[in-house]
Amino acid sequence: MGRKLLFVYNPKAGKALIKNKLADILDIFARAGYETTVIPTQKNGDAREAVEARGDCYELVVCSGGDGTLDEVVTGMMQSGVRTPIGYIPAGSTNDFGGSLALPKKMVRAAETVVRGKNFPCDVGAFNDDFFVYIAAFGLFTDVSYETGQDMKNILGYMAYLLEGMKRLSSIHHFTIKVSWEGNEITEDFIFGMITNSISVGGFKNITGKHVKLDDGVFEVTLIKSPRNPVELNNIMLSLLNRNIDTDAMYCFRTSELSLESEEPVAWTLDGENGGSHKKAVIRNIYKGMDIRVGNPPE
């Protein structure tokens, strides 16, 4: 023993399966020579606070849960000012970022990747004074994730998101937003926007674009204009899912920094969690801002 590891996990994530794997995971850490401190989270913010206060006391920080748990751990690390490698054992409902990193879906195998894998320097998003790992989004469906209860997520999976989203189709709200990036400026009515550093979102692969890299210093940006009728909305959603970009209906571009300004507060989600409401959002890509353990670095 000698090397110290901080293990933060969400006992309610996904179907709470980690309870049956916890002993095996801790055994893997011990056999790899780590003295492990274990913190099960009880409420939102626990993971962030634990890492922010103790991140510099450990050789490795590992988290298990959904992408929201990873978001808290990365945020705590960024706020601490230290750069301890982060291991991730996906255990949530969708695990978009874990899929982007090609991490094993089985928790025991993911734990082995944590102790045997390599550090991958990965981009991090800065959102005003906050941080995110793989997506900042506003508008249609973006509040579904954090308004859908954990029990419902566990039972229904993807259907929970779709059912919640369908309730809102009759009351779509648009936002008039001025978007500025790299000398460009547009002002439009938008129903949805996402700034991403991920291969998949909501379990849908390639929805963010082709040839996405997680360490290139730029985001993939998708902004959907307000449709004039339900048929147009349906066509927009199909175009997005098939990644057939209709320039009359949406803007798609890559950038390392952008700002979005509106007269009314816009509610944001960061990695599927509540990101608050803002009249102005300045979003920056922190190039290779964190080190995360992977089996093989993404190409």
Protein backbone atom coordinates (compact mmCIF):
# COMPACT_ATOMS: atom_id res chain seq x y z
CA MET A 1 0.00 0.00 0.00
CA GLY A 2 1.09 3.56 -0.43
CA ARG A 3 -0.73 5.05 -3.38
CA LYS A 4 -3.99 6.70 -2.42
CA LEU A 5 -7.23 6.57 -4.41
CA LEU A 6 -10.45 8.51 -3.83
CA PHE A 7 -13.55 6.61 -4.98
CA VAL A 8 -16.77 8.61 -5.23
CA TYR A 9 -19.90 6.80 -6.39
CA ASN A 10 -23.61 7.47 -6.77
CA PRO A 11 -25.43 4.48 -5.19
CA LYS A 12 -28.67 5.35 -7.02
CA ALA A 13 -27.27 5.73 -10.55
CA GLY A 14 -28.73 3.55 -13.26
CA LYS A 15 -30.39 0.57 -11.62
CA ALA A 16 -28.19 0.80 -8.50
CA LEU A 17 -26.24 -2.22 -9.77
CA ILE A 18 -23.01 -0.97 -8.23
CA LYS A 19 -24.18 -2.32 -4.87
CA ASN A 20 -23.60 -5.82 -6.22
CA LYS A 21 -20.22 -4.93 -7.74
CA LEU A 22 -18.74 -2.70 -5.04
CA ALA A 23 -16.66 -5.43 -3.33
CA ASP A 24 -15.21 -6.56 -6.67
CA ILE A 25 -14.33 -2.97 -7.63
CA LEU A 26 -12.62 -2.27 -4.31
CA ASP A 27 -10.73 -5.56 -4.61
CA ILE A 28 -9.39 -4.48 -8.01
CA PHE A 29 -8.18 -1.20 -6.50
CA ALA A 30 -6.50 -3.02 -3.57
CA ARG A 31 -4.75 -5.57 -5.81
CA ALA A 32 -3.41 -2.67 -7.87
CA GLY A 33 -1.76 -1.29 -4.72
CA TYR A 34 -4.17 1.51 -3.86
CA GLU A 35 -5.36 2.51 -0.42
CA THR A 36 -8.93 3.59 -1.18
CA THR A 37 -11.15 6.17 0.47
CA VAL A 38 -14.81 5.54 -0.41
CA ILE A 39 -17.49 8.26 -0.52
CA PRO A 40 -21.06 7.34 -1.53
CA THR A 41 -22.91 10.50 -2.56
CA GLN A 42 -26.17 11.40 -0.84
CA LYS A 43 -27.26 14.47 -2.78
CA ASN A 44 -26.32 16.74 -5.68
CA GLY A 45 -23.03 18.49 -5.07
CA ASP A 46 -21.47 15.83 -2.83
CA ALA A 47 -19.06 14.56 -5.49
CA ARG A 48 -17.96 18.06 -6.48
CA GLU A 49 -17.33 19.08 -2.87
CA ALA A 50 -15.40 15.90 -2.08
CA VAL A 51 -13.04 16.29 -5.02
CA GLU A 52 -12.59 20.04 -4.65
CA ALA A 53 -11.55 19.59 -1.01
CA ARG A 54 -9.40 16.46 -1.41
CA GLY A 55 -8.32 16.18 -5.05
CA ASP A 56 -4.70 16.99 -4.26
CA CYS A 57 -4.47 14.28 -1.57
CA TYR A 58 -4.71 11.35 -3.97
CA GLU A 59 -2.80 9.86 -6.90
CA LEU A 60 -6.07 8.90 -8.59
CA VAL A 61 -9.71 10.02 -8.30
CA VAL A 62 -12.32 7.55 -9.51
CA CYS A 63 -16.06 8.06 -9.83
CA SER A 64 -18.96 5.78 -10.65
CA GLY A 65 -22.41 6.93 -11.66
CA GLY A 66 -23.93 8.67 -14.63
CA ASP A 67 -22.47 11.50 -16.66
CA GLY A 68 -23.80 13.92 -14.01
CA THR A 69 -21.53 12.32 -11.40
CA LEU A 70 -18.55 12.63 -13.74
CA ASP A 71 -19.51 16.26 -14.34
CA GLU A 72 -19.39 16.96 -10.59
CA VAL A 73 -16.01 15.26 -10.21
CA VAL A 74 -14.48 17.15 -13.14
CA THR A 75 -15.97 20.42 -11.91
CA GLY A 76 -14.53 19.83 -8.43
CA MET A 77 -11.14 19.02 -9.94
CA MET A 78 -11.14 22.16 -12.11
CA GLN A 79 -12.17 24.33 -9.18
CA SER A 80 -9.45 22.83 -6.97
CA GLY A 81 -6.72 23.93 -9.36
CA VAL A 82 -4.99 20.52 -9.25
CA ARG A 83 -4.78 17.94 -12.01
CA THR A 84 -5.19 14.47 -10.61
CA PRO A 85 -6.03 11.75 -13.17
CA ILE A 86 -9.71 10.77 -13.19
CA GLY A 87 -11.09 7.27 -13.62
CA TYR A 88 -14.70 6.72 -14.66
CA ILE A 89 -16.83 3.62 -14.10
CA PRO A 90 -20.08 4.33 -16.00
CA ALA A 91 -23.23 3.27 -14.15
CA GLY A 92 -25.91 5.69 -15.36
CA SER A 93 -28.85 5.51 -17.76
CA THR A 94 -27.12 6.71 -20.94
CA ASN A 95 -23.38 7.26 -20.25
CA ASP A 96 -22.75 9.28 -23.40
CA PHE A 97 -19.24 10.28 -22.46
CA GLY A 98 -18.23 6.79 -21.35
CA GLY A 99 -19.31 5.58 -24.78
CA SER A 100 -17.31 8.33 -26.47
CA LEU A 101 -14.22 7.11 -24.60
CA ALA A 102 -15.01 3.47 -25.46
CA LEU A 103 -15.01 2.55 -21.77
CA PRO A 104 -16.28 -0.94 -20.91
CA LYS A 105 -19.98 -1.11 -20.06
CA LYS A 106 -19.42 -3.75 -17.40
CA MET A 107 -18.37 -2.05 -14.17
CA VAL A 108 -15.72 -4.59 -13.13
CA ARG A 109 -14.00 -4.32 -16.52
CA ALA A 110 -14.22 -0.54 -16.32
CA ALA A 111 -12.52 -0.68 -12.90
CA GLU A 112 -9.71 -2.74 -14.41
CA THR A 113 -9.35 -0.12 -17.14
CA VAL A 114 -9.02 2.54 -14.44
CA VAL A 115 -6.04 0.87 -12.77
CA ARG A 116 -4.39 -0.50 -15.93
CA GLY A 117 -5.27 2.16 -18.47
CA LYS A 118 -3.54 5.24 -19.80
CA ASN A 119 -4.15 8.90 -19.09
CA PHE A 120 -5.94 10.63 -21.97
CA PRO A 121 -5.65 14.45 -22.00
CA CYS A 122 -9.20 15.52 -22.84
CA ASP A 123 -10.86 18.87 -23.53
CA VAL A 124 -13.09 20.42 -20.85
CA GLY A 125 -15.82 23.02 -21.31
CA ALA A 126 -16.00 26.24 -19.32
CA PHE A 127 -19.48 27.77 -19.02
CA ASN A 128 -19.33 31.22 -17.41
CA ASP A 129 -17.99 30.32 -13.94
CA ASP A 130 -18.93 26.65 -14.23
CA PHE A 131 -17.57 23.63 -16.11
CA PHE A 132 -18.94 20.78 -18.19
CA VAL A 133 -17.51 17.59 -19.63
CA TYR A 134 -19.33 16.94 -22.89
CA ILE A 135 -22.49 19.04 -23.44
CA ALA A 136 -24.04 22.40 -22.65
CA ALA A 137 -27.55 22.73 -24.08
CA PHE A 138 -30.71 24.82 -23.98
CA GLY A 139 -34.25 24.60 -25.26
CA LEU A 140 -36.38 21.67 -26.38
CA PHE A 141 -36.04 18.55 -24.19
CA THR A 142 -32.95 19.83 -22.36
CA ASP A 143 -34.68 20.01 -18.98
CA VAL A 144 -36.08 16.49 -19.39
CA SER A 145 -33.00 14.84 -17.90
CA TYR A 146 -32.96 16.65 -14.59
CA GLU A 147 -36.76 16.83 -14.26
CA THR A 148 -37.17 13.09 -14.81
CA GLY A 149 -36.95 11.24 -11.49
CA GLN A 150 -34.23 8.64 -10.94
CA ASP A 151 -36.78 5.87 -10.39
CA MET A 152 -38.44 6.67 -13.70
CA LYS A 153 -35.06 6.72 -15.46
CA ASN A 154 -34.25 3.31 -14.02
CA ILE A 155 -37.55 1.75 -15.11
CA LEU A 156 -37.98 3.29 -18.53
CA GLY A 157 -34.50 4.20 -19.70
CA TYR A 158 -34.63 6.11 -22.98
CA MET A 159 -38.43 5.99 -22.92
CA ALA A 160 -38.45 8.22 -19.85
CA TYR A 161 -36.78 10.99 -21.80
CA LEU A 162 -39.03 10.53 -24.81
CA LEU A 163 -42.24 10.46 -22.77
CA GLU A 164 -41.29 13.58 -20.86
CA GLY A 165 -40.29 15.31 -24.09
CA MET A 166 -43.54 14.45 -25.87
CA LYS A 167 -45.50 16.29 -23.19
CA ARG A 168 -43.85 19.52 -24.32
CA LEU A 169 -44.45 19.43 -28.05
CA SER A 170 -47.62 21.50 -27.74
CA SER A 171 -45.82 24.27 -25.87
CA ILE A 172 -42.51 24.75 -27.65
CA HIS A 173 -40.80 27.93 -26.58
CA HIS A 174 -38.25 29.76 -28.69
CA PHE A 175 -35.48 32.09 -27.58
CA THR A 176 -34.17 35.09 -29.49
CA ILE A 177 -30.42 34.77 -29.08
CA LYS A 178 -27.41 36.62 -30.43
CA VAL A 179 -24.59 34.16 -31.06
CA SER A 180 -21.01 35.36 -31.55
CA TRP A 181 -17.96 33.28 -32.48
CA GLU A 182 -14.65 33.90 -34.25
CA GLY A 183 -15.77 37.18 -35.82
CA ASN A 184 -19.20 35.83 -36.79
CA GLU A 185 -22.51 37.06 -35.36
CA ILE A 186 -26.09 35.92 -35.89
CA THR A 187 -29.39 36.71 -34.15
CA GLU A 188 -32.19 34.18 -34.57
CA ASP A 189 -35.12 32.51 -32.84
CA PHE A 190 -33.93 29.12 -31.62
CA ILE A 191 -35.78 26.22 -30.01
CA PHE A 192 -32.68 24.19 -29.23
CA GLY A 193 -28.93 24.50 -29.03
CA MET A 194 -26.09 22.23 -27.97
CA ILE A 195 -22.38 22.79 -27.61
CA THR A 196 -20.75 19.38 -27.44
CA ASN A 197 -17.53 17.45 -27.09
CA SER A 198 -18.96 13.95 -27.49
CA ILE A 199 -19.63 11.32 -30.11
CA SER A 200 -23.16 10.69 -28.78
CA VAL A 201 -25.89 12.63 -26.97
CA GLY A 202 -28.86 11.02 -25.27
CA GLY A 203 -27.69 7.64 -26.53
CA PHE A 204 -27.77 8.77 -30.17
CA LYS A 205 -24.42 8.34 -31.90
CA ASN A 206 -23.09 10.78 -34.51
CA ILE A 207 -25.78 13.35 -33.69
CA THR A 208 -23.01 15.86 -32.96
CA GLY A 209 -21.32 15.42 -36.34
CA LYS A 210 -18.68 13.33 -38.06
CA HIS A 211 -14.99 13.02 -37.22
CA VAL A 212 -15.49 14.29 -33.67
CA LYS A 213 -12.33 14.40 -31.57
CA LEU A 214 -12.34 14.89 -27.81
CA ASP A 215 -8.90 16.52 -27.69
CA ASP A 216 -8.88 18.97 -30.61
CA GLY A 217 -9.67 22.15 -28.68
CA VAL A 218 -12.98 22.84 -30.43
CA PHE A 219 -16.67 22.17 -29.78
CA GLU A 220 -19.29 20.96 -32.21
CA VAL A 221 -22.14 23.50 -32.14
CA THR A 222 -25.71 22.80 -33.30
CA LEU A 223 -28.40 25.50 -33.17
CA ILE A 224 -31.93 24.75 -34.38
CA LYS A 225 -34.12 27.58 -35.64
CA SER A 226 -37.75 27.92 -34.59
CA PRO A 227 -40.01 25.87 -36.94
CA ARG A 228 -43.11 27.37 -38.49
CA ASN A 229 -45.30 24.28 -38.08
CA PRO A 230 -45.28 20.71 -36.63
CA VAL A 231 -44.29 19.18 -39.98
CA GLU A 232 -41.23 21.41 -40.15
CA LEU A 233 -40.34 20.46 -36.58
CA ASN A 234 -40.57 16.78 -37.43
CA ASN A 235 -38.33 17.27 -40.46
CA ILE A 236 -35.81 19.15 -38.34
CA MET A 237 -35.65 16.34 -35.77
CA LEU A 238 -35.20 13.71 -38.49
CA SER A 239 -32.46 15.78 -40.12
CA LEU A 240 -30.68 16.07 -36.79
CA LEU A 241 -30.88 12.35 -36.02
CA ASN A 242 -29.68 11.45 -39.50
CA ARG A 243 -27.16 14.29 -39.47
CA ASN A 244 -28.51 15.59 -42.77
CA ILE A 245 -27.81 19.24 -42.15
CA ASP A 246 -30.51 21.58 -43.43
CA THR A 247 -28.93 25.02 -43.40
CA ASP A 248 -32.34 26.65 -43.64
CA ALA A 249 -33.35 25.05 -40.35
CA MET A 250 -30.14 24.96 -38.30
CA TYR A 251 -26.60 26.23 -37.87
CA CYS A 252 -23.75 23.76 -37.40
CA PHE A 253 -20.14 24.81 -36.88
CA ARG A 254 -17.02 24.21 -34.80
CA THR A 255 -15.33 26.72 -32.55
CA SER A 256 -13.17 26.97 -29.44
CA GLU A 257 -15.22 29.80 -27.92
CA LEU A 258 -18.62 31.44 -28.35
CA SER A 259 -21.07 33.67 -26.51
CA LEU A 260 -24.86 33.59 -26.49
CA GLU A 261 -26.91 36.60 -25.34
CA SER A 262 -30.67 37.01 -24.93
CA GLU A 263 -33.12 39.48 -23.40
CA GLU A 264 -34.75 36.78 -21.28
CA PRO A 265 -33.01 34.20 -19.08
CA VAL A 266 -32.38 30.90 -20.85
CA ALA A 267 -32.35 27.64 -18.89
CA TRP A 268 -29.28 25.51 -19.59
CA THR A 269 -28.33 21.93 -18.88
CA LEU A 270 -24.69 20.95 -18.33
CA ASP A 271 -24.01 17.24 -18.82
CA GLY A 272 -27.69 16.50 -18.22
CA GLU A 273 -27.85 18.43 -14.95
CA ASN A 274 -29.42 21.79 -14.19
CA GLY A 275 -27.03 24.53 -15.31
CA GLY A 276 -29.18 27.48 -14.20
CA SER A 277 -30.78 30.28 -16.22
CA HIS A 278 -28.62 32.92 -17.89
CA LYS A 279 -29.04 35.95 -20.14
CA LYS A 280 -25.44 35.56 -21.28
CA ALA A 281 -23.37 32.43 -21.64
CA VAL A 282 -19.69 32.52 -22.50
CA ILE A 283 -18.49 29.04 -23.40
CA ARG A 284 -14.79 28.20 -23.81
CA ASN A 285 -12.95 25.03 -24.70
CA ILE A 286 -10.12 24.28 -22.26
CA TYR A 287 -7.76 22.37 -24.52
CA LYS A 288 -6.72 19.05 -22.95
CA GLY A 289 -7.83 20.40 -19.58
CA MET A 290 -8.11 17.08 -17.74
CA ASP A 291 -6.59 13.60 -17.70
CA ILE A 292 -9.00 10.67 -17.81
CA ARG A 293 -8.14 6.97 -17.75
CA VAL A 294 -8.96 4.98 -20.90
CA GLY A 295 -8.07 1.57 -22.30
CA ASN A 296 -6.93 2.98 -25.62
CA PRO A 297 -6.80 6.74 -26.34
CA PRO A 298 -9.49 7.73 -28.85
CA GLU A 299 -8.14 8.39 -32.34
